[in-house]
Amino acid sequence: MRYYKIRKMDISNGPGVRISIFMQGCTFNCPSCFNKETHDFEGGKEFDENTINQVLSLCELKYVTGLSICLRRIRIIRSIPQI
């Protein structure tokens, strides 16, 4: 599984100040999409144990009130590593 970006302070994808992960891969290809760089399933960065640890550390910051995982139409069937 791959991700495009991690936002360390996001107020537009849920209530409060959040950590947001934008996952990579979409098959919709909407003409007016403002995130076309996220469409390629092979683009972005590998979502691995280091990424998970980074996100968990960010979630411990005092100002953070939540975590948002922003999915496009990702391939859910792809293998997800057990941690």
PDB file of N, CA and C in Angstrom:
ATOM      1  N   MET A   1       0.848  -1.164   0.000  1.00  0.00           N
ATOM      2  CA  MET A   1       0.000   0.000   0.000  1.00  0.00           C
ATOM      3  C   MET A   1       0.898   1.233   0.000  1.00  0.00           C
ATOM      4  N   ARG A   2       0.427   2.297  -0.643  1.00  0.00           N
ATOM      5  CA  ARG A   2       1.224   3.510  -0.779  1.00  0.00           C
ATOM      6  C   ARG A   2       0.409   4.717  -0.328  1.00  0.00           C
ATOM      7  N   TYR A   3       1.129   5.782   0.050  1.00  0.00           N
ATOM      8  CA  TYR A   3       0.464   7.024   0.431  1.00  0.00           C
ATOM      9  C   TYR A   3       1.098   8.186  -0.313  1.00  0.00           C
ATOM     10  N   TYR A   4       0.316   9.262  -0.431  1.00  0.00           N
ATOM     11  CA  TYR A   4       0.786  10.443  -1.144  1.00  0.00           C
ATOM     12  C   TYR A   4       1.415  11.449  -0.177  1.00  0.00           C
ATOM     13  N   LYS A   5       0.720  11.728   0.921  1.00  0.00           N
ATOM     14  CA  LYS A   5       1.170  12.802   1.800  1.00  0.00           C
ATOM     15  C   LYS A   5       0.631  12.582   3.212  1.00  0.00           C
ATOM     16  N   ILE A   6       1.390  13.058   4.188  1.00  0.00           N
ATOM     17  CA  ILE A   6       0.923  13.123   5.567  1.00  0.00           C
ATOM     18  C   ILE A   6       0.907  14.596   5.959  1.00  0.00           C
ATOM     19  N   ARG A   7      -0.242  15.065   6.380  1.00  0.00           N
ATOM     20  CA  ARG A   7      -0.347  16.446   6.885  1.00  0.00           C
ATOM     21  C   ARG A   7      -0.252  16.405   8.400  1.00  0.00           C
ATOM     22  N   LYS A   8       0.641  17.215   8.942  1.00  0.00           N
ATOM     23  CA  LYS A   8       0.890  17.217  10.382  1.00  0.00           C
ATOM     24  C   LYS A   8      -0.064  18.119  11.145  1.00  0.00           C
ATOM     25  N   MET A   9      -0.786  18.970  10.443  1.00  0.00           N
ATOM     26  CA  MET A   9      -1.746  19.864  11.075  1.00  0.00           C
ATOM     27  C   MET A   9      -2.824  20.180  10.044  1.00  0.00           C
ATOM     28  N   ASP A  10      -3.957  19.494  10.136  1.00  0.00           N
ATOM     29  CA  ASP A  10      -5.006  19.602   9.126  1.00  0.00           C
ATOM     30  C   ASP A  10      -6.322  19.966   9.803  1.00  0.00           C
ATOM     31  N   ILE A  11      -6.997  20.979   9.291  1.00  0.00           N
ATOM     32  CA  ILE A  11      -8.286  21.380   9.860  1.00  0.00           C
ATOM     33  C   ILE A  11      -9.424  21.205   8.854  1.00  0.00           C
ATOM     34  N   SER A  12      -9.132  20.612   7.705  1.00  0.00           N
ATOM     35  CA  SER A  12     -10.167  20.504   6.664  1.00  0.00           C
ATOM     36  C   SER A  12     -10.684  19.087   6.447  1.00  0.00           C
ATOM     37  N   ASN A  13     -10.219  18.111   7.193  1.00  0.00           N
ATOM     38  CA  ASN A  13     -10.642  16.721   6.971  1.00  0.00           C
ATOM     39  C   ASN A  13     -11.191  16.071   8.237  1.00  0.00           C
ATOM     40  N   GLY A  14     -11.888  16.858   9.021  1.00  0.00           N
ATOM     41  CA  GLY A  14     -12.509  16.353  10.240  1.00  0.00           C
ATOM     42  C   GLY A  14     -12.504  17.423  11.313  1.00  0.00           C
ATOM     43  N   PRO A  15     -13.165  17.138  12.436  1.00  0.00           N
ATOM     44  CA  PRO A  15     -13.242  18.136  13.506  1.00  0.00           C
ATOM     45  C   PRO A  15     -11.908  18.334  14.219  1.00  0.00           C
ATOM     46  N   GLY A  16     -11.623  19.548  14.592  1.00  0.00           N
ATOM     47  CA  GLY A  16     -10.404  19.863  15.322  1.00  0.00           C
ATOM     48  C   GLY A  16      -9.172  19.843  14.444  1.00  0.00           C
ATOM     49  N   VAL A  17      -8.026  19.816  15.101  1.00  0.00           N
ATOM     50  CA  VAL A  17      -6.739  19.742  14.406  1.00  0.00           C
ATOM     51  C   VAL A  17      -6.353  18.278  14.324  1.00  0.00           C
ATOM     52  N   ARG A  18      -6.081  17.809  13.117  1.00  0.00           N
ATOM     53  CA  ARG A  18      -5.887  16.385  12.891  1.00  0.00           C
ATOM     54  C   ARG A  18      -4.594  16.102  12.147  1.00  0.00           C
ATOM     55  N   ILE A  19      -4.175  14.874  12.242  1.00  0.00           N
ATOM     56  CA  ILE A  19      -3.140  14.332  11.370  1.00  0.00           C
ATOM     57  C   ILE A  19      -3.911  13.668  10.227  1.00  0.00           C
ATOM     58  N   SER A  20      -3.545  13.966   8.995  1.00  0.00           N
ATOM     59  CA  SER A  20      -4.233  13.363   7.850  1.00  0.00           C
ATOM     60  C   SER A  20      -3.241  12.635   6.959  1.00  0.00           C
ATOM     61  N   ILE A  21      -3.636  11.418   6.568  1.00  0.00           N
ATOM     62  CA  ILE A  21      -2.849  10.630   5.625  1.00  0.00           C
ATOM     63  C   ILE A  21      -3.658  10.542   4.336  1.00  0.00           C
ATOM     64  N   PHE A  22      -3.056  10.934   3.238  1.00  0.00           N
ATOM     65  CA  PHE A  22      -3.700  10.855   1.927  1.00  0.00           C
ATOM     66  C   PHE A  22      -3.134   9.639   1.204  1.00  0.00           C
ATOM     67  N   MET A  23      -3.973   8.652   0.999  1.00  0.00           N
ATOM     68  CA  MET A  23      -3.538   7.416   0.373  1.00  0.00           C
ATOM     69  C   MET A  23      -3.394   7.593  -1.133  1.00  0.00           C
ATOM     70  N   GLN A  24      -2.594   6.750  -1.739  1.00  0.00           N
ATOM     71  CA  GLN A  24      -2.274   6.820  -3.157  1.00  0.00           C
ATOM     72  C   GLN A  24      -3.126   5.827  -3.936  1.00  0.00           C
ATOM     73  N   GLY A  25      -3.634   6.248  -5.095  1.00  0.00           N
ATOM     74  CA  GLY A  25      -4.345   5.358  -6.000  1.00  0.00           C
ATOM     75  C   GLY A  25      -5.814   5.677  -6.131  1.00  0.00           C
ATOM     76  N   CYS A  26      -6.258   5.889  -7.363  1.00  0.00           N
ATOM     77  CA  CYS A  26      -7.664   6.157  -7.638  1.00  0.00           C
ATOM     78  C   CYS A  26      -7.965   5.762  -9.081  1.00  0.00           C
ATOM     79  N   THR A  27      -9.122   5.148  -9.275  1.00  0.00           N
ATOM     80  CA  THR A  27      -9.518   4.742 -10.629  1.00  0.00           C
ATOM     81  C   THR A  27     -10.623   5.605 -11.200  1.00  0.00           C
ATOM     82  N   PHE A  28     -11.121   6.574 -10.447  1.00  0.00           N
ATOM     83  CA  PHE A  28     -12.223   7.402 -10.939  1.00  0.00           C
ATOM     84  C   PHE A  28     -11.799   8.338 -12.071  1.00  0.00           C
ATOM     85  N   ASN A  29     -10.597   8.955 -11.961  1.00  0.00           N
ATOM     86  CA  ASN A  29     -10.088   9.902 -12.964  1.00  0.00           C
ATOM     87  C   ASN A  29     -11.090  10.995 -13.297  1.00  0.00           C
ATOM     88  N   CYS A  30     -11.665  11.591 -12.284  1.00  0.00           N
ATOM     89  CA  CYS A  30     -12.638  12.681 -12.485  1.00  0.00           C
ATOM     90  C   CYS A  30     -11.969  13.847 -13.212  1.00  0.00           C
ATOM     91  N   PRO A  31     -12.613  14.411 -14.232  1.00  0.00           N
ATOM     92  CA  PRO A  31     -12.018  15.509 -15.001  1.00  0.00           C
ATOM     93  C   PRO A  31     -11.653  16.726 -14.151  1.00  0.00           C
ATOM     94  N   SER A  32     -12.424  16.998 -13.105  1.00  0.00           N
ATOM     95  CA  SER A  32     -12.173  18.185 -12.286  1.00  0.00           C
ATOM     96  C   SER A  32     -11.377  17.884 -11.020  1.00  0.00           C
ATOM     97  N   CYS A  33     -10.764  16.716 -10.948  1.00  0.00           N
ATOM     98  CA  CYS A  33     -10.013  16.326  -9.754  1.00  0.00           C
ATOM     99  C   CYS A  33      -8.862  17.300  -9.502  1.00  0.00           C
ATOM    100  N   PHE A  34      -8.697  17.708  -8.245  1.00  0.00           N
ATOM    101  CA  PHE A  34      -7.586  18.592  -7.904  1.00  0.00           C
ATOM    102  C   PHE A  34      -6.422  17.826  -7.270  1.00  0.00           C
ATOM    103  N   ASN A  35      -6.499  16.496  -7.305  1.00  0.00           N
ATOM    104  CA  ASN A  35      -5.413  15.658  -6.782  1.00  0.00           C
ATOM    105  C   ASN A  35      -5.009  14.585  -7.784  1.00  0.00           C
ATOM    106  N   LYS A  36      -4.837  14.957  -9.028  1.00  0.00           N
ATOM    107  CA  LYS A  36      -4.496  13.965 -10.060  1.00  0.00           C
ATOM    108  C   LYS A  36      -3.189  13.236  -9.776  1.00  0.00           C
ATOM    109  N   GLU A  37      -2.296  13.858  -9.026  1.00  0.00           N
ATOM    110  CA  GLU A  37      -1.029  13.209  -8.707  1.00  0.00           C
ATOM    111  C   GLU A  37      -1.220  12.002  -7.775  1.00  0.00           C
ATOM    112  N   THR A  38      -2.409  11.820  -7.226  1.00  0.00           N
ATOM    113  CA  THR A  38      -2.668  10.675  -6.348  1.00  0.00           C
ATOM    114  C   THR A  38      -3.271   9.488  -7.089  1.00  0.00           C
ATOM    115  N   HIS A  39      -3.520   9.598  -8.385  1.00  0.00           N
ATOM    116  CA  HIS A  39      -4.209   8.539  -9.135  1.00  0.00           C
ATOM    117  C   HIS A  39      -3.355   7.295  -9.349  1.00  0.00           C
ATOM    118  N   ASP A  40      -2.076   7.452  -9.587  1.00  0.00           N
ATOM    119  CA  ASP A  40      -1.197   6.324  -9.912  1.00  0.00           C
ATOM    120  C   ASP A  40      -0.988   5.441  -8.683  1.00  0.00           C
ATOM    121  N   PHE A  41      -1.363   4.163  -8.785  1.00  0.00           N
ATOM    122  CA  PHE A  41      -1.216   3.245  -7.666  1.00  0.00           C
ATOM    123  C   PHE A  41       0.247   2.963  -7.337  1.00  0.00           C
ATOM    124  N   GLU A  42       1.150   3.224  -8.256  1.00  0.00           N
ATOM    125  CA  GLU A  42       2.574   2.997  -8.020  1.00  0.00           C
ATOM    126  C   GLU A  42       3.294   4.269  -7.590  1.00  0.00           C
ATOM    127  N   GLY A  43       2.593   5.391  -7.546  1.00  0.00           N
ATOM    128  CA  GLY A  43       3.195   6.662  -7.146  1.00  0.00           C
ATOM    129  C   GLY A  43       3.284   6.778  -5.635  1.00  0.00           C
ATOM    130  N   GLY A  44       3.664   7.938  -5.181  1.00  0.00           N
ATOM    131  CA  GLY A  44       3.727   8.186  -3.752  1.00  0.00           C
ATOM    132  C   GLY A  44       4.845   7.432  -3.062  1.00  0.00           C
ATOM    133  N   LYS A  45       4.627   7.153  -1.779  1.00  0.00           N
ATOM    134  CA  LYS A  45       5.640   6.509  -0.947  1.00  0.00           C
ATOM    135  C   LYS A  45       5.071   5.228  -0.354  1.00  0.00           C
ATOM    136  N   GLU A  46       5.954   4.315  -0.034  1.00  0.00           N
ATOM    137  CA  GLU A  46       5.543   3.048   0.570  1.00  0.00           C
ATOM    138  C   GLU A  46       4.992   3.296   1.976  1.00  0.00           C
ATOM    139  N   PHE A  47       3.832   2.707   2.282  1.00  0.00           N
ATOM    140  CA  PHE A  47       3.238   2.787   3.606  1.00  0.00           C
ATOM    141  C   PHE A  47       3.747   1.577   4.387  1.00  0.00           C
ATOM    142  N   ASP A  48       4.700   1.816   5.280  1.00  0.00           N
ATOM    143  CA  ASP A  48       5.346   0.715   5.969  1.00  0.00           C
ATOM    144  C   ASP A  48       5.340   0.951   7.486  1.00  0.00           C
ATOM    145  N   GLU A  49       6.052   0.131   8.202  1.00  0.00           N
ATOM    146  CA  GLU A  49       6.080   0.242   9.659  1.00  0.00           C
ATOM    147  C   GLU A  49       6.644   1.583  10.115  1.00  0.00           C
ATOM    148  N   ASN A  50       7.632   2.114   9.405  1.00  0.00           N
ATOM    149  CA  ASN A  50       8.179   3.431   9.747  1.00  0.00           C
ATOM    150  C   ASN A  50       7.123   4.520   9.597  1.00  0.00           C
ATOM    151  N   THR A  51       6.305   4.407   8.555  1.00  0.00           N
ATOM    152  CA  THR A  51       5.226   5.380   8.346  1.00  0.00           C
ATOM    153  C   THR A  51       4.231   5.311   9.494  1.00  0.00           C
ATOM    154  N   ILE A  52       3.868   4.111   9.879  1.00  0.00           N
ATOM    155  CA  ILE A  52       2.922   3.937  10.989  1.00  0.00           C
ATOM    156  C   ILE A  52       3.496   4.542  12.265  1.00  0.00           C
ATOM    157  N   ASN A  53       4.753   4.291  12.548  1.00  0.00           N
ATOM    158  CA  ASN A  53       5.383   4.853  13.744  1.00  0.00           C
ATOM    159  C   ASN A  53       5.414   6.375  13.695  1.00  0.00           C
ATOM    160  N   GLN A  54       5.680   6.934  12.514  1.00  0.00           N
ATOM    161  CA  GLN A  54       5.674   8.392  12.354  1.00  0.00           C
ATOM    162  C   GLN A  54       4.289   8.957  12.659  1.00  0.00           C
ATOM    163  N   VAL A  55       3.258   8.332  12.114  1.00  0.00           N
ATOM    164  CA  VAL A  55       1.888   8.800  12.331  1.00  0.00           C
ATOM    165  C   VAL A  55       1.506   8.692  13.809  1.00  0.00           C
ATOM    166  N   LEU A  56       1.851   7.580  14.442  1.00  0.00           N
ATOM    167  CA  LEU A  56       1.532   7.407  15.860  1.00  0.00           C
ATOM    168  C   LEU A  56       2.230   8.461  16.714  1.00  0.00           C
ATOM    169  N   SER A  57       3.472   8.784  16.384  1.00  0.00           N
ATOM    170  CA  SER A  57       4.192   9.841  17.112  1.00  0.00           C
ATOM    171  C   SER A  57       3.517  11.193  16.928  1.00  0.00           C
ATOM    172  N   LEU A  58       3.108  11.486  15.701  1.00  0.00           N
ATOM    173  CA  LEU A  58       2.429  12.758  15.440  1.00  0.00           C
ATOM    174  C   LEU A  58       1.105  12.845  16.204  1.00  0.00           C
ATOM    175  N   CYS A  59       0.412  11.725  16.329  1.00  0.00           N
ATOM    176  CA  CYS A  59      -0.878  11.706  17.027  1.00  0.00           C
ATOM    177  C   CYS A  59      -0.733  11.994  18.518  1.00  0.00           C
ATOM    178  N   GLU A  60       0.460  11.869  19.061  1.00  0.00           N
ATOM    179  CA  GLU A  60       0.691  12.139  20.480  1.00  0.00           C
ATOM    180  C   GLU A  60       0.882  13.620  20.781  1.00  0.00           C
ATOM    181  N   LEU A  61       1.015  14.462  19.749  1.00  0.00           N
ATOM    182  CA  LEU A  61       1.189  15.894  19.969  1.00  0.00           C
ATOM    183  C   LEU A  61      -0.047  16.460  20.666  1.00  0.00           C
ATOM    184  N   LYS A  62       0.164  17.409  21.589  1.00  0.00           N
ATOM    185  CA  LYS A  62      -0.928  17.926  22.420  1.00  0.00           C
ATOM    186  C   LYS A  62      -2.062  18.560  21.630  1.00  0.00           C
ATOM    187  N   TYR A  63      -1.753  19.206  20.519  1.00  0.00           N
ATOM    188  CA  TYR A  63      -2.784  19.909  19.762  1.00  0.00           C
ATOM    189  C   TYR A  63      -3.623  18.999  18.867  1.00  0.00           C
ATOM    190  N   VAL A  64      -3.225  17.757  18.695  1.00  0.00           N
ATOM    191  CA  VAL A  64      -3.900  16.840  17.779  1.00  0.00           C
ATOM    192  C   VAL A  64      -5.151  16.254  18.442  1.00  0.00           C
ATOM    193  N   THR A  65      -6.288  16.360  17.713  1.00  0.00           N
ATOM    194  CA  THR A  65      -7.548  15.831  18.243  1.00  0.00           C
ATOM    195  C   THR A  65      -8.033  14.603  17.483  1.00  0.00           C
ATOM    196  N   GLY A  66      -7.337  14.213  16.410  1.00  0.00           N
ATOM    197  CA  GLY A  66      -7.779  13.038  15.667  1.00  0.00           C
ATOM    198  C   GLY A  66      -6.880  12.714  14.498  1.00  0.00           C
ATOM    199  N   LEU A  67      -7.221  11.588  13.860  1.00  0.00           N
ATOM    200  CA  LEU A  67      -6.501  11.093  12.691  1.00  0.00           C
ATOM    201  C   LEU A  67      -7.504  10.869  11.562  1.00  0.00           C
ATOM    202  N   SER A  68      -7.207  11.390  10.387  1.00  0.00           N
ATOM    203  CA  SER A  68      -8.043  11.172   9.203  1.00  0.00           C
ATOM    204  C   SER A  68      -7.235  10.397   8.177  1.00  0.00           C
ATOM    205  N   ILE A  69      -7.818   9.314   7.680  1.00  0.00           N
ATOM    206  CA  ILE A  69      -7.200   8.550   6.593  1.00  0.00           C
ATOM    207  C   ILE A  69      -8.040   8.825   5.362  1.00  0.00           C
ATOM    208  N   CYS A  70      -7.484   9.584   4.437  1.00  0.00           N
ATOM    209  CA  CYS A  70      -8.210  10.048   3.258  1.00  0.00           C
ATOM    210  C   CYS A  70      -7.946   9.091   2.103  1.00  0.00           C
ATOM    211  N   LEU A  71      -8.981   8.383   1.735  1.00  0.00           N
ATOM    212  CA  LEU A  71      -8.878   7.364   0.697  1.00  0.00           C
ATOM    213  C   LEU A  71      -9.473   7.872  -0.598  1.00  0.00           C
ATOM    214  N   ARG A  72      -8.856   7.543  -1.676  1.00  0.00           N
ATOM    215  CA  ARG A  72      -9.496   7.684  -2.975  1.00  0.00           C
ATOM    216  C   ARG A  72     -10.136   6.319  -3.204  1.00  0.00           C
ATOM    217  N   ARG A  73     -10.185   5.871  -4.388  1.00  0.00           N
ATOM    218  CA  ARG A  73     -10.687   4.520  -4.627  1.00  0.00           C
ATOM    219  C   ARG A  73      -9.494   3.584  -4.667  1.00  0.00           C
ATOM    220  N   ILE A  74      -9.016   3.233  -3.483  1.00  0.00           N
ATOM    221  CA  ILE A  74      -7.818   2.404  -3.414  1.00  0.00           C
ATOM    222  C   ILE A  74      -8.181   0.938  -3.592  1.00  0.00           C
ATOM    223  N   ARG A  75      -7.200   0.153  -3.897  1.00  0.00           N
ATOM    224  CA  ARG A  75      -7.397  -1.290  -4.046  1.00  0.00           C
ATOM    225  C   ARG A  75      -7.350  -1.920  -2.660  1.00  0.00           C
ATOM    226  N   ILE A  76      -8.498  -2.115  -2.070  1.00  0.00           N
ATOM    227  CA  ILE A  76      -8.580  -2.651  -0.720  1.00  0.00           C
ATOM    228  C   ILE A  76      -7.994  -4.059  -0.650  1.00  0.00           C
ATOM    229  N   ILE A  77      -8.072  -4.810  -1.721  1.00  0.00           N
ATOM    230  CA  ILE A  77      -7.646  -6.201  -1.713  1.00  0.00           C
ATOM    231  C   ILE A  77      -6.124  -6.340  -1.637  1.00  0.00           C
ATOM    232  N   ARG A  78      -5.391  -5.285  -1.945  1.00  0.00           N
ATOM    233  CA  ARG A  78      -3.934  -5.356  -1.851  1.00  0.00           C
ATOM    234  C   ARG A  78      -3.524  -5.786  -0.458  1.00  0.00           C
ATOM    235  N   SER A  79      -2.404  -6.458  -0.349  1.00  0.00           N
ATOM    236  CA  SER A  79      -1.971  -6.961   0.950  1.00  0.00           C
ATOM    237  C   SER A  79      -1.594  -5.808   1.878  1.00  0.00           C
ATOM    238  N   ILE A  80      -2.029  -5.939   3.106  1.00  0.00           N
ATOM    239  CA  ILE A  80      -1.695  -4.979   4.153  1.00  0.00           C
ATOM    240  C   ILE A  80      -0.816  -5.718   5.141  1.00  0.00           C
ATOM    241  N   PRO A  81       0.395  -5.222   5.381  1.00  0.00           N
ATOM    242  CA  PRO A  81       1.305  -5.941   6.271  1.00  0.00           C
ATOM    243  C   PRO A  81       0.761  -6.012   7.688  1.00  0.00           C
ATOM    244  N   GLN A  82       0.945  -7.137   8.333  1.00  0.00           N
ATOM    245  CA  GLN A  82       0.540  -7.275   9.726  1.00  0.00           C
ATOM    246  C   GLN A  82       1.586  -6.631  10.607  1.00  0.00           C
ATOM    247  N   ILE A  83       1.080  -5.910  11.591  1.00  0.00           N
ATOM    248  CA  ILE A  83       2.013  -5.222  12.510  1.00  0.00           C
ATOM    249  C   ILE A  83       1.647  -5.612  13.924  1.00  0.00           C
TER     250      ILE A  83
END
